[in-house]
Amino acid sequence: MERELENLEKALAEHASAQIQHERAREALELARATALLSGTITGKNAEEREAQARTSLAEQYEAVRTAQEALVWARVRLELARERLSVAKIKQGAQAPLEVV
């Protein structure tokens, strides 16, 4: 069960790191969008045009957010797997423990 605990700790750390990276990528995109709007790089007449311009002119930032989101999803999967493996290990350990007669 010690290995499962170590794996859970590692998965928790990876998940936290993925969350931080995702948040940083989102913040960078928001800043780039605001800068582009203020500088006149994004000038569409309506929200749809502005969104289209943003997606083309800030493609790198959008890709960074998408990549970070994907990494976060996989980190969540690994975290859930680690939790489930720990639960199974606890059950197995409990099943192997001798019954206590009172």
N, C-alpha and C. Protein backbone atom coordinates (compact mmCIF):
# COMPACT_ATOMS: atom_id res chain seq x y z
N MET A 1 0.83 -1.20 0.00
CA MET A 1 0.00 0.00 0.00
C MET A 1 0.87 1.26 0.00
N GLU A 2 2.12 1.11 0.43
CA GLU A 2 3.01 2.26 0.45
C GLU A 2 3.27 2.78 -0.97
N ARG A 3 3.40 1.87 -1.93
CA ARG A 3 3.60 2.27 -3.32
C ARG A 3 2.40 3.06 -3.83
N GLU A 4 1.21 2.61 -3.46
CA GLU A 4 -0.01 3.30 -3.90
C GLU A 4 -0.08 4.71 -3.32
N LEU A 5 0.34 4.85 -2.06
CA LEU A 5 0.37 6.18 -1.44
C LEU A 5 1.36 7.10 -2.15
N GLU A 6 2.52 6.55 -2.49
CA GLU A 6 3.52 7.35 -3.21
C GLU A 6 2.99 7.75 -4.58
N ASN A 7 2.32 6.83 -5.26
CA ASN A 7 1.74 7.14 -6.56
C ASN A 7 0.66 8.22 -6.45
N LEU A 8 -0.11 8.15 -5.37
CA LEU A 8 -1.15 9.16 -5.16
C LEU A 8 -0.51 10.53 -4.92
N GLU A 9 0.54 10.58 -4.12
CA GLU A 9 1.24 11.84 -3.88
C GLU A 9 1.77 12.42 -5.19
N LYS A 10 2.36 11.57 -6.01
CA LYS A 10 2.90 12.01 -7.29
C LYS A 10 1.78 12.52 -8.19
N ALA A 11 0.66 11.81 -8.23
CA ALA A 11 -0.47 12.22 -9.06
C ALA A 11 -1.06 13.54 -8.58
N LEU A 12 -1.11 13.73 -7.27
CA LEU A 12 -1.60 15.00 -6.73
C LEU A 12 -0.69 16.16 -7.14
N ALA A 13 0.61 15.94 -7.06
CA ALA A 13 1.56 16.98 -7.45
C ALA A 13 1.46 17.29 -8.94
N GLU A 14 1.33 16.25 -9.76
CA GLU A 14 1.19 16.45 -11.20
C GLU A 14 -0.10 17.20 -11.52
N HIS A 15 -1.16 16.87 -10.81
CA HIS A 15 -2.44 17.54 -11.04
C HIS A 15 -2.34 19.02 -10.66
N ALA A 16 -1.73 19.30 -9.53
CA ALA A 16 -1.56 20.70 -9.11
C ALA A 16 -0.73 21.47 -10.13
N SER A 17 0.33 20.86 -10.61
CA SER A 17 1.18 21.51 -11.61
C SER A 17 0.41 21.76 -12.90
N ALA A 18 -0.39 20.80 -13.32
CA ALA A 18 -1.18 20.96 -14.55
C ALA A 18 -2.22 22.07 -14.38
N GLN A 19 -2.81 22.16 -13.19
CA GLN A 19 -3.78 23.23 -12.93
C GLN A 19 -3.10 24.60 -13.01
N ILE A 20 -1.93 24.69 -12.44
CA ILE A 20 -1.18 25.95 -12.46
C ILE A 20 -0.82 26.33 -13.89
N GLN A 21 -0.33 25.37 -14.66
CA GLN A 21 0.04 25.65 -16.06
C GLN A 21 -1.18 26.07 -16.88
N HIS A 22 -2.31 25.42 -16.64
CA HIS A 22 -3.53 25.78 -17.35
C HIS A 22 -3.96 27.21 -17.00
N GLU A 23 -3.92 27.54 -15.74
CA GLU A 23 -4.31 28.88 -15.31
C GLU A 23 -3.37 29.93 -15.89
N ARG A 24 -2.07 29.63 -15.91
CA ARG A 24 -1.10 30.58 -16.49
C ARG A 24 -1.35 30.78 -17.98
N ALA A 25 -1.65 29.70 -18.68
CA ALA A 25 -1.92 29.80 -20.12
C ALA A 25 -3.17 30.63 -20.37
N ARG A 26 -4.20 30.42 -19.55
CA ARG A 26 -5.44 31.21 -19.69
C ARG A 26 -5.17 32.68 -19.41
N GLU A 27 -4.39 32.95 -18.36
CA GLU A 27 -4.07 34.34 -18.03
C GLU A 27 -3.27 35.00 -19.16
N ALA A 28 -2.33 34.26 -19.74
CA ALA A 28 -1.53 34.80 -20.84
C ALA A 28 -2.42 35.10 -22.05
N LEU A 29 -3.37 34.22 -22.32
CA LEU A 29 -4.31 34.45 -23.43
C LEU A 29 -5.16 35.69 -23.16
N GLU A 30 -5.68 35.80 -21.95
CA GLU A 30 -6.51 36.96 -21.60
C GLU A 30 -5.72 38.26 -21.75
N LEU A 31 -4.48 38.25 -21.31
CA LEU A 31 -3.64 39.44 -21.42
C LEU A 31 -3.35 39.76 -22.88
N ALA A 32 -3.04 38.74 -23.67
CA ALA A 32 -2.78 38.96 -25.10
C ALA A 32 -4.02 39.49 -25.81
N ARG A 33 -5.18 38.95 -25.44
CA ARG A 33 -6.44 39.42 -26.04
C ARG A 33 -6.71 40.88 -25.69
N ALA A 34 -6.55 41.21 -24.42
CA ALA A 34 -6.77 42.59 -23.98
C ALA A 34 -5.80 43.54 -24.67
N THR A 35 -4.55 43.13 -24.77
CA THR A 35 -3.54 43.95 -25.44
C THR A 35 -3.89 44.15 -26.91
N ALA A 36 -4.33 43.07 -27.56
CA ALA A 36 -4.70 43.15 -28.98
C ALA A 36 -5.92 44.05 -29.18
N LEU A 37 -6.87 43.98 -28.27
CA LEU A 37 -8.04 44.86 -28.37
C LEU A 37 -7.65 46.32 -28.20
N LEU A 38 -6.84 46.59 -27.19
CA LEU A 38 -6.43 47.96 -26.91
C LEU A 38 -5.54 48.54 -28.01
N SER A 39 -4.74 47.69 -28.62
CA SER A 39 -3.82 48.18 -29.66
C SER A 39 -4.49 48.29 -31.03
N GLY A 40 -5.70 47.76 -31.14
CA GLY A 40 -6.41 47.84 -32.40
C GLY A 40 -6.14 46.67 -33.33
N THR A 41 -5.42 45.66 -32.85
CA THR A 41 -5.16 44.47 -33.67
C THR A 41 -6.44 43.71 -33.91
N ILE A 42 -7.30 43.69 -32.91
CA ILE A 42 -8.62 43.06 -33.03
C ILE A 42 -9.64 44.19 -33.15
N THR A 43 -10.31 44.26 -34.32
CA THR A 43 -11.18 45.40 -34.57
C THR A 43 -12.53 45.01 -35.15
N GLY A 44 -12.94 43.78 -35.01
CA GLY A 44 -14.21 43.34 -35.60
C GLY A 44 -15.39 44.18 -35.18
N LYS A 45 -16.41 44.22 -36.04
CA LYS A 45 -17.61 45.02 -35.77
C LYS A 45 -18.52 44.38 -34.74
N ASN A 46 -18.43 43.06 -34.61
CA ASN A 46 -19.27 42.36 -33.62
C ASN A 46 -18.44 41.29 -32.92
N ALA A 47 -19.04 40.65 -31.94
CA ALA A 47 -18.32 39.68 -31.12
C ALA A 47 -17.78 38.52 -31.95
N GLU A 48 -18.55 38.06 -32.95
CA GLU A 48 -18.12 36.94 -33.78
C GLU A 48 -16.87 37.29 -34.58
N GLU A 49 -16.85 38.49 -35.16
CA GLU A 49 -15.68 38.93 -35.92
C GLU A 49 -14.46 39.08 -35.02
N ARG A 50 -14.67 39.68 -33.86
CA ARG A 50 -13.56 39.87 -32.92
C ARG A 50 -13.01 38.52 -32.47
N GLU A 51 -13.91 37.56 -32.22
CA GLU A 51 -13.47 36.22 -31.81
C GLU A 51 -12.67 35.55 -32.92
N ALA A 52 -13.13 35.67 -34.14
CA ALA A 52 -12.41 35.09 -35.28
C ALA A 52 -11.03 35.72 -35.43
N GLN A 53 -10.97 37.03 -35.31
CA GLN A 53 -9.67 37.72 -35.41
C GLN A 53 -8.75 37.29 -34.28
N ALA A 54 -9.30 37.19 -33.08
CA ALA A 54 -8.50 36.78 -31.93
C ALA A 54 -7.95 35.37 -32.14
N ARG A 55 -8.77 34.47 -32.61
CA ARG A 55 -8.33 33.08 -32.80
C ARG A 55 -7.24 32.97 -33.86
N THR A 56 -7.28 33.82 -34.86
CA THR A 56 -6.24 33.75 -35.88
C THR A 56 -4.98 34.50 -35.46
N SER A 57 -5.14 35.66 -34.87
CA SER A 57 -3.96 36.45 -34.49
C SER A 57 -3.30 35.94 -33.21
N LEU A 58 -4.05 35.25 -32.38
CA LEU A 58 -3.51 34.73 -31.12
C LEU A 58 -3.51 33.19 -31.10
N ALA A 59 -3.32 32.61 -32.26
CA ALA A 59 -3.40 31.14 -32.39
C ALA A 59 -2.44 30.43 -31.44
N GLU A 60 -1.26 30.98 -31.26
CA GLU A 60 -0.27 30.36 -30.38
C GLU A 60 -0.77 30.30 -28.93
N GLN A 61 -1.35 31.38 -28.48
CA GLN A 61 -1.87 31.42 -27.11
C GLN A 61 -3.07 30.49 -26.93
N TYR A 62 -3.94 30.44 -27.94
CA TYR A 62 -5.07 29.52 -27.87
C TYR A 62 -4.58 28.07 -27.84
N GLU A 63 -3.56 27.77 -28.61
CA GLU A 63 -3.00 26.43 -28.63
C GLU A 63 -2.38 26.08 -27.28
N ALA A 64 -1.72 27.05 -26.65
CA ALA A 64 -1.13 26.81 -25.33
C ALA A 64 -2.21 26.48 -24.31
N VAL A 65 -3.34 27.18 -24.38
CA VAL A 65 -4.45 26.90 -23.46
C VAL A 65 -5.02 25.51 -23.73
N ARG A 66 -5.19 25.16 -25.01
CA ARG A 66 -5.72 23.85 -25.36
C ARG A 66 -4.78 22.74 -24.88
N THR A 67 -3.49 22.92 -25.08
CA THR A 67 -2.51 21.93 -24.65
C THR A 67 -2.51 21.79 -23.13
N ALA A 68 -2.58 22.91 -22.43
CA ALA A 68 -2.61 22.88 -20.97
C ALA A 68 -3.89 22.22 -20.47
N GLN A 69 -5.01 22.47 -21.14
CA GLN A 69 -6.28 21.85 -20.77
C GLN A 69 -6.20 20.34 -20.95
N GLU A 70 -5.61 19.92 -22.03
CA GLU A 70 -5.46 18.49 -22.30
C GLU A 70 -4.57 17.84 -21.23
N ALA A 71 -3.48 18.49 -20.88
CA ALA A 71 -2.60 17.98 -19.83
C ALA A 71 -3.33 17.88 -18.50
N LEU A 72 -4.18 18.85 -18.22
CA LEU A 72 -4.96 18.83 -16.98
C LEU A 72 -5.94 17.67 -16.97
N VAL A 73 -6.57 17.41 -18.09
CA VAL A 73 -7.51 16.27 -18.17
C VAL A 73 -6.77 14.96 -17.88
N TRP A 74 -5.61 14.78 -18.51
CA TRP A 74 -4.85 13.54 -18.28
C TRP A 74 -4.33 13.46 -16.84
N ALA A 75 -3.97 14.59 -16.26
CA ALA A 75 -3.53 14.59 -14.85
C ALA A 75 -4.69 14.18 -13.94
N ARG A 76 -5.91 14.62 -14.26
CA ARG A 76 -7.08 14.21 -13.48
C ARG A 76 -7.31 12.71 -13.59
N VAL A 77 -7.14 12.18 -14.79
CA VAL A 77 -7.30 10.73 -15.00
C VAL A 77 -6.29 9.97 -14.15
N ARG A 78 -5.02 10.39 -14.19
CA ARG A 78 -3.99 9.71 -13.40
C ARG A 78 -4.28 9.82 -11.90
N LEU A 79 -4.80 10.97 -11.48
CA LEU A 79 -5.14 11.16 -10.07
C LEU A 79 -6.26 10.21 -9.66
N GLU A 80 -7.29 10.12 -10.47
CA GLU A 80 -8.41 9.22 -10.16
C GLU A 80 -7.95 7.76 -10.14
N LEU A 81 -7.09 7.40 -11.07
CA LEU A 81 -6.56 6.03 -11.08
C LEU A 81 -5.76 5.74 -9.82
N ALA A 82 -4.94 6.69 -9.41
CA ALA A 82 -4.15 6.52 -8.20
C ALA A 82 -5.06 6.37 -6.98
N ARG A 83 -6.12 7.16 -6.92
CA ARG A 83 -7.07 7.05 -5.80
C ARG A 83 -7.75 5.69 -5.79
N GLU A 84 -8.16 5.24 -6.96
CA GLU A 84 -8.83 3.93 -7.05
C GLU A 84 -7.88 2.80 -6.68
N ARG A 85 -6.64 2.89 -7.13
CA ARG A 85 -5.66 1.84 -6.79
C ARG A 85 -5.39 1.81 -5.29
N LEU A 86 -5.36 2.96 -4.66
CA LEU A 86 -5.19 3.00 -3.21
C LEU A 86 -6.39 2.37 -2.52
N SER A 87 -7.58 2.66 -3.00
CA SER A 87 -8.79 2.07 -2.42
C SER A 87 -8.76 0.55 -2.54
N VAL A 88 -8.37 0.06 -3.69
CA VAL A 88 -8.28 -1.39 -3.89
C VAL A 88 -7.24 -2.00 -2.97
N ALA A 89 -6.10 -1.33 -2.82
CA ALA A 89 -5.05 -1.83 -1.93
C ALA A 89 -5.54 -1.88 -0.49
N LYS A 90 -6.30 -0.86 -0.08
CA LYS A 90 -6.84 -0.86 1.28
C LYS A 90 -7.81 -2.02 1.48
N ILE A 91 -8.65 -2.25 0.48
CA ILE A 91 -9.61 -3.36 0.57
C ILE A 91 -8.88 -4.69 0.65
N LYS A 92 -7.87 -4.86 -0.20
CA LYS A 92 -7.09 -6.10 -0.20
C LYS A 92 -6.39 -6.30 1.13
N GLN A 93 -5.85 -5.24 1.67
CA GLN A 93 -5.15 -5.33 2.95
C GLN A 93 -6.13 -5.70 4.05
N GLY A 94 -7.31 -5.10 4.01
CA GLY A 94 -8.34 -5.42 5.00
C GLY A 94 -8.83 -6.85 4.88
N ALA A 95 -8.91 -7.36 3.65
CA ALA A 95 -9.36 -8.74 3.44
C ALA A 95 -8.32 -9.72 3.91
N GLN A 96 -7.06 -9.34 3.93
CA GLN A 96 -6.01 -10.24 4.34
C GLN A 96 -5.76 -10.19 5.84
N ALA A 97 -6.27 -9.17 6.48
CA ALA A 97 -6.10 -9.04 7.93
C ALA A 97 -6.90 -10.12 8.65
N PRO A 98 -6.33 -10.69 9.68
CA PRO A 98 -7.08 -11.72 10.41
C PRO A 98 -8.31 -11.12 11.10
N LEU A 99 -9.34 -11.92 11.16
CA LEU A 99 -10.58 -11.47 11.83
C LEU A 99 -10.34 -11.43 13.33
N GLU A 100 -10.87 -10.41 13.92
CA GLU A 100 -10.74 -10.24 15.37
C GLU A 100 -11.98 -10.82 16.03
N VAL A 101 -11.76 -11.72 16.97
CA VAL A 101 -12.89 -12.32 17.67
C VAL A 101 -13.05 -11.59 18.99
N VAL A 102 -14.26 -11.10 19.22
CA VAL A 102 -14.52 -10.33 20.44
C VAL A 102 -15.28 -11.18 21.42
